[in-house]
Amino acid sequence: MIYEIHLYSPKAGKLTPAMLDWLYQYGQSDDQPEVFWPVKQINPKALARLLLKLDSNLEPFPGPAGDVELHYVQKELNIILYVHNRGVILFFPYMPHGVFSRVVVGICYTYIRYLYDALGFWSYDPQLDILSYADDFQSIDDTIRLMDKVMSRYLPG
């Protein structure tokens, strides 16, 4: 099971639930005029280069339509930043409780905080339905609690 967090840089400096609704309705379409888009268009390769300056251990891979995938160097952690022309989707695995999950979620939230501080990216966590300009330790704890709850259904004991 994969956890995902969506990151966008809003044109108006703030991302609202109405903007997210628009993105989910029209975000896969290329026929919407730029003026209607609530988030900035970005250059995936330029953003990937910026993220590689933050963490040179990320491994870049080409994605479809000029998108870029950045894989965390430790493959066992399965952390992927998918950079597309409107933002970033951060993927990481659901995992059982413990220090390991805190390490993985901590790494992911470092990227989220960097994107907010450097470029004004807001994050949306669809699992928790939380929209944030910069996630905090409460969001980290909420994410870990959700993963514990979900994974406890699948693991014995």
C-alpha atoms as a PDB file:
ATOM      1  CA  MET A   1       0.000   0.000   0.000  1.00  0.00           C
ATOM      2  CA  ILE A   2       1.275   3.422  -0.944  1.00  0.00           C
ATOM      3  CA  TYR A   3       0.722   6.689   0.912  1.00  0.00           C
ATOM      4  CA  GLU A   4       0.698   9.856  -1.187  1.00  0.00           C
ATOM      5  CA  ILE A   5       0.925  13.580  -0.551  1.00  0.00           C
ATOM      6  CA  HIS A   6       0.286  16.125  -3.307  1.00  0.00           C
ATOM      7  CA  LEU A   7       2.262  19.377  -3.430  1.00  0.00           C
ATOM      8  CA  TYR A   8       1.295  22.457  -5.450  1.00  0.00           C
ATOM      9  CA  SER A   9       2.438  26.062  -5.732  1.00  0.00           C
ATOM     10  CA  PRO A  10      -0.751  28.157  -5.754  1.00  0.00           C
ATOM     11  CA  LYS A  11      -0.908  31.220  -8.006  1.00  0.00           C
ATOM     12  CA  ALA A  12      -2.731  33.223  -5.334  1.00  0.00           C
ATOM     13  CA  GLY A  13      -0.255  32.324  -2.584  1.00  0.00           C
ATOM     14  CA  LYS A  14      -2.853  30.154  -0.842  1.00  0.00           C
ATOM     15  CA  LEU A  15      -4.421  26.813  -1.755  1.00  0.00           C
ATOM     16  CA  THR A  16      -8.095  26.355  -0.846  1.00  0.00           C
ATOM     17  CA  PRO A  17     -10.441  23.355  -0.828  1.00  0.00           C
ATOM     18  CA  ALA A  18     -12.270  24.832  -3.853  1.00  0.00           C
ATOM     19  CA  MET A  19      -8.976  24.937  -5.761  1.00  0.00           C
ATOM     20  CA  LEU A  20      -8.320  21.287  -4.889  1.00  0.00           C
ATOM     21  CA  ASP A  21     -11.799  20.366  -6.114  1.00  0.00           C
ATOM     22  CA  TRP A  22     -11.013  22.118  -9.420  1.00  0.00           C
ATOM     23  CA  LEU A  23      -7.698  20.267  -9.707  1.00  0.00           C
ATOM     24  CA  TYR A  24      -9.353  16.893  -9.128  1.00  0.00           C
ATOM     25  CA  GLN A  25     -12.044  17.684 -11.682  1.00  0.00           C
ATOM     26  CA  TYR A  26      -9.888  19.244 -14.432  1.00  0.00           C
ATOM     27  CA  GLY A  27      -6.280  18.495 -13.480  1.00  0.00           C
ATOM     28  CA  GLN A  28      -5.871  15.612 -15.947  1.00  0.00           C
ATOM     29  CA  SER A  29      -7.185  17.703 -18.830  1.00  0.00           C
ATOM     30  CA  ASP A  30      -5.052  19.769 -21.210  1.00  0.00           C
ATOM     31  CA  ASP A  31      -7.980  21.762 -22.589  1.00  0.00           C
ATOM     32  CA  GLN A  32      -8.347  24.217 -19.680  1.00  0.00           C
ATOM     33  CA  PRO A  33      -6.979  27.728 -20.308  1.00  0.00           C
ATOM     34  CA  GLU A  34      -4.015  28.677 -18.120  1.00  0.00           C
ATOM     35  CA  VAL A  35      -5.992  31.506 -16.519  1.00  0.00           C
ATOM     36  CA  PHE A  36      -8.319  28.928 -14.883  1.00  0.00           C
ATOM     37  CA  TRP A  37      -5.543  26.910 -13.283  1.00  0.00           C
ATOM     38  CA  PRO A  38      -5.237  27.676  -9.532  1.00  0.00           C
ATOM     39  CA  VAL A  39      -1.637  26.414  -9.364  1.00  0.00           C
ATOM     40  CA  LYS A  40       1.493  27.472 -11.174  1.00  0.00           C
ATOM     41  CA  GLN A  41       2.825  25.558 -14.121  1.00  0.00           C
ATOM     42  CA  ILE A  42       6.342  24.338 -13.385  1.00  0.00           C
ATOM     43  CA  ASN A  43       9.262  22.895 -15.282  1.00  0.00           C
ATOM     44  CA  PRO A  44       9.646  19.346 -13.885  1.00  0.00           C
ATOM     45  CA  LYS A  45      13.321  19.092 -14.834  1.00  0.00           C
ATOM     46  CA  ALA A  46      14.191  22.427 -13.187  1.00  0.00           C
ATOM     47  CA  LEU A  47      12.344  21.470  -9.996  1.00  0.00           C
ATOM     48  CA  ALA A  48      14.030  18.050 -10.008  1.00  0.00           C
ATOM     49  CA  ARG A  49      17.435  19.772 -10.244  1.00  0.00           C
ATOM     50  CA  LEU A  50      16.523  21.941  -7.245  1.00  0.00           C
ATOM     51  CA  LEU A  51      15.506  18.867  -5.245  1.00  0.00           C
ATOM     52  CA  LEU A  52      18.769  17.170  -6.219  1.00  0.00           C
ATOM     53  CA  LYS A  53      20.630  20.140  -4.710  1.00  0.00           C
ATOM     54  CA  LEU A  54      18.774  19.479  -1.447  1.00  0.00           C
ATOM     55  CA  ASP A  55      19.448  15.739  -1.584  1.00  0.00           C
ATOM     56  CA  SER A  56      22.083  14.614  -4.079  1.00  0.00           C
ATOM     57  CA  ASN A  57      21.338  10.996  -3.163  1.00  0.00           C
ATOM     58  CA  LEU A  58      18.020  11.074  -5.006  1.00  0.00           C
ATOM     59  CA  GLU A  59      18.153   9.117  -8.259  1.00  0.00           C
ATOM     60  CA  PRO A  60      16.373  10.739 -11.240  1.00  0.00           C
ATOM     61  CA  PHE A  61      14.416   8.718 -13.790  1.00  0.00           C
ATOM     62  CA  PRO A  62      12.485  10.037 -16.793  1.00  0.00           C
ATOM     63  CA  GLY A  63       8.711   9.874 -16.511  1.00  0.00           C
ATOM     64  CA  PRO A  64       6.019  10.233 -19.154  1.00  0.00           C
ATOM     65  CA  ALA A  65       5.466  13.576 -20.936  1.00  0.00           C
ATOM     66  CA  GLY A  66       8.615  15.202 -19.544  1.00  0.00           C
ATOM     67  CA  ASP A  67       7.852  14.311 -15.913  1.00  0.00           C
ATOM     68  CA  VAL A  68      10.664  13.251 -13.588  1.00  0.00           C
ATOM     69  CA  GLU A  69      10.739  10.585 -10.882  1.00  0.00           C
ATOM     70  CA  LEU A  70      13.203  11.019  -8.044  1.00  0.00           C
ATOM     71  CA  HIS A  71      13.841   7.821  -6.092  1.00  0.00           C
ATOM     72  CA  TYR A  72      15.339   7.850  -2.625  1.00  0.00           C
ATOM     73  CA  VAL A  73      18.698   6.093  -2.741  1.00  0.00           C
ATOM     74  CA  GLN A  74      17.743   3.410  -0.187  1.00  0.00           C
ATOM     75  CA  LYS A  75      15.398   1.316  -2.297  1.00  0.00           C
ATOM     76  CA  GLU A  76      13.960  -0.481   0.755  1.00  0.00           C
ATOM     77  CA  LEU A  77      12.303   2.770   1.858  1.00  0.00           C
ATOM     78  CA  ASN A  78      10.457   3.100  -1.487  1.00  0.00           C
ATOM     79  CA  ILE A  79      10.223   6.916  -1.328  1.00  0.00           C
ATOM     80  CA  ILE A  80       9.469   8.508  -4.704  1.00  0.00           C
ATOM     81  CA  LEU A  81       8.945  12.145  -5.624  1.00  0.00           C
ATOM     82  CA  TYR A  82       7.001  12.309  -8.881  1.00  0.00           C
ATOM     83  CA  VAL A  83       7.547  15.770 -10.381  1.00  0.00           C
ATOM     84  CA  HIS A  84       5.007  16.816 -13.023  1.00  0.00           C
ATOM     85  CA  ASN A  85       4.125  20.100 -14.746  1.00  0.00           C
ATOM     86  CA  ARG A  86       1.824  21.265 -11.919  1.00  0.00           C
ATOM     87  CA  GLY A  87       3.514  19.954  -8.801  1.00  0.00           C
ATOM     88  CA  VAL A  88       4.920  16.965  -6.976  1.00  0.00           C
ATOM     89  CA  ILE A  89       3.360  13.768  -5.702  1.00  0.00           C
ATOM     90  CA  LEU A  90       5.317  12.228  -2.855  1.00  0.00           C
ATOM     91  CA  PHE A  91       4.850   8.460  -2.537  1.00  0.00           C
ATOM     92  CA  PHE A  92       5.982   6.281   0.352  1.00  0.00           C
ATOM     93  CA  PRO A  93       4.805   2.935   1.697  1.00  0.00           C
ATOM     94  CA  TYR A  94       2.373   2.392   4.524  1.00  0.00           C
ATOM     95  CA  MET A  95       4.348   0.629   7.203  1.00  0.00           C
ATOM     96  CA  PRO A  96       3.780  -0.741  10.676  1.00  0.00           C
ATOM     97  CA  HIS A  97       4.510   1.252  13.797  1.00  0.00           C
ATOM     98  CA  GLY A  98       7.941   1.860  15.126  1.00  0.00           C
ATOM     99  CA  VAL A  99      11.057   3.856  14.553  1.00  0.00           C
ATOM    100  CA  PHE A 100      11.273   2.813  10.895  1.00  0.00           C
ATOM    101  CA  SER A 101       7.975   4.515  10.020  1.00  0.00           C
ATOM    102  CA  ARG A 102       9.064   7.693  11.845  1.00  0.00           C
ATOM    103  CA  VAL A 103      12.301   7.772   9.845  1.00  0.00           C
ATOM    104  CA  VAL A 104      10.505   7.386   6.495  1.00  0.00           C
ATOM    105  CA  VAL A 105       7.805   9.934   7.319  1.00  0.00           C
ATOM    106  CA  GLY A 106      10.451  12.314   8.696  1.00  0.00           C
ATOM    107  CA  ILE A 107      12.413  12.131   5.424  1.00  0.00           C
ATOM    108  CA  CYS A 108       9.235  12.821   3.438  1.00  0.00           C
ATOM    109  CA  TYR A 109       8.242  15.780   5.591  1.00  0.00           C
ATOM    110  CA  THR A 110      11.730  17.236   5.117  1.00  0.00           C
ATOM    111  CA  TYR A 111      11.024  17.404   1.365  1.00  0.00           C
ATOM    112  CA  ILE A 112       7.589  18.928   2.026  1.00  0.00           C
ATOM    113  CA  ARG A 113       9.033  21.609   4.285  1.00  0.00           C
ATOM    114  CA  TYR A 114      11.813  22.396   1.812  1.00  0.00           C
ATOM    115  CA  LEU A 115       9.333  22.831  -1.059  1.00  0.00           C
ATOM    116  CA  TYR A 116       7.260  25.184   1.081  1.00  0.00           C
ATOM    117  CA  ASP A 117      10.226  27.240   2.314  1.00  0.00           C
ATOM    118  CA  ALA A 118      11.999  27.431  -1.055  1.00  0.00           C
ATOM    119  CA  LEU A 119       9.048  27.725  -3.465  1.00  0.00           C
ATOM    120  CA  GLY A 120       5.808  28.240  -1.561  1.00  0.00           C
ATOM    121  CA  PHE A 121       4.400  24.764  -2.224  1.00  0.00           C
ATOM    122  CA  TRP A 122       1.347  23.754  -0.208  1.00  0.00           C
ATOM    123  CA  SER A 123       0.621  20.129   0.578  1.00  0.00           C
ATOM    124  CA  TYR A 124      -2.553  18.103   0.476  1.00  0.00           C
ATOM    125  CA  ASP A 125      -2.792  14.764   2.232  1.00  0.00           C
ATOM    126  CA  PRO A 126      -5.819  12.948   0.745  1.00  0.00           C
ATOM    127  CA  GLN A 127      -5.655  10.157   3.337  1.00  0.00           C
ATOM    128  CA  LEU A 128      -6.098  12.615   6.227  1.00  0.00           C
ATOM    129  CA  ASP A 129      -7.880  15.260   4.108  1.00  0.00           C
ATOM    130  CA  ILE A 130      -5.471  17.916   5.376  1.00  0.00           C
ATOM    131  CA  LEU A 131      -4.482  20.952   3.337  1.00  0.00           C
ATOM    132  CA  SER A 132      -1.441  22.754   4.697  1.00  0.00           C
ATOM    133  CA  TYR A 133       1.070  25.432   3.769  1.00  0.00           C
ATOM    134  CA  ALA A 134       3.804  23.641   5.701  1.00  0.00           C
ATOM    135  CA  ASP A 135       3.277  20.458   7.612  1.00  0.00           C
ATOM    136  CA  ASP A 136       4.238  20.229  11.232  1.00  0.00           C
ATOM    137  CA  PHE A 137       4.979  17.580  13.812  1.00  0.00           C
ATOM    138  CA  GLN A 138       1.233  17.072  14.429  1.00  0.00           C
ATOM    139  CA  SER A 139       0.789  16.051  10.778  1.00  0.00           C
ATOM    140  CA  ILE A 140       3.697  13.631  11.095  1.00  0.00           C
ATOM    141  CA  ASP A 141       2.088  12.038  14.160  1.00  0.00           C
ATOM    142  CA  ASP A 142      -1.319  11.917  12.424  1.00  0.00           C
ATOM    143  CA  THR A 143       0.234  10.208   9.402  1.00  0.00           C
ATOM    144  CA  ILE A 144       1.971   7.608  11.565  1.00  0.00           C
ATOM    145  CA  ARG A 145      -1.248   6.962  13.539  1.00  0.00           C
ATOM    146  CA  LEU A 146      -3.166   6.419  10.296  1.00  0.00           C
ATOM    147  CA  MET A 147      -0.511   4.027   8.972  1.00  0.00           C
ATOM    148  CA  ASP A 148      -0.578   2.114  12.282  1.00  0.00           C
ATOM    149  CA  LYS A 149      -4.371   1.817  12.103  1.00  0.00           C
ATOM    150  CA  VAL A 150      -4.380   0.624   8.502  1.00  0.00           C
ATOM    151  CA  MET A 151      -1.428  -1.740   8.836  1.00  0.00           C
ATOM    152  CA  SER A 152      -2.767  -3.336  12.038  1.00  0.00           C
ATOM    153  CA  ARG A 153      -5.593  -4.784   9.914  1.00  0.00           C
ATOM    154  CA  TYR A 154      -3.096  -6.556   7.658  1.00  0.00           C
ATOM    155  CA  LEU A 155      -0.452  -7.740  10.092  1.00  0.00           C
ATOM    156  CA  PRO A 156      -0.852 -10.585  12.554  1.00  0.00           C
ATOM    157  CA  GLY A 157      -0.543  -9.945  16.256  1.00  0.00           C
END
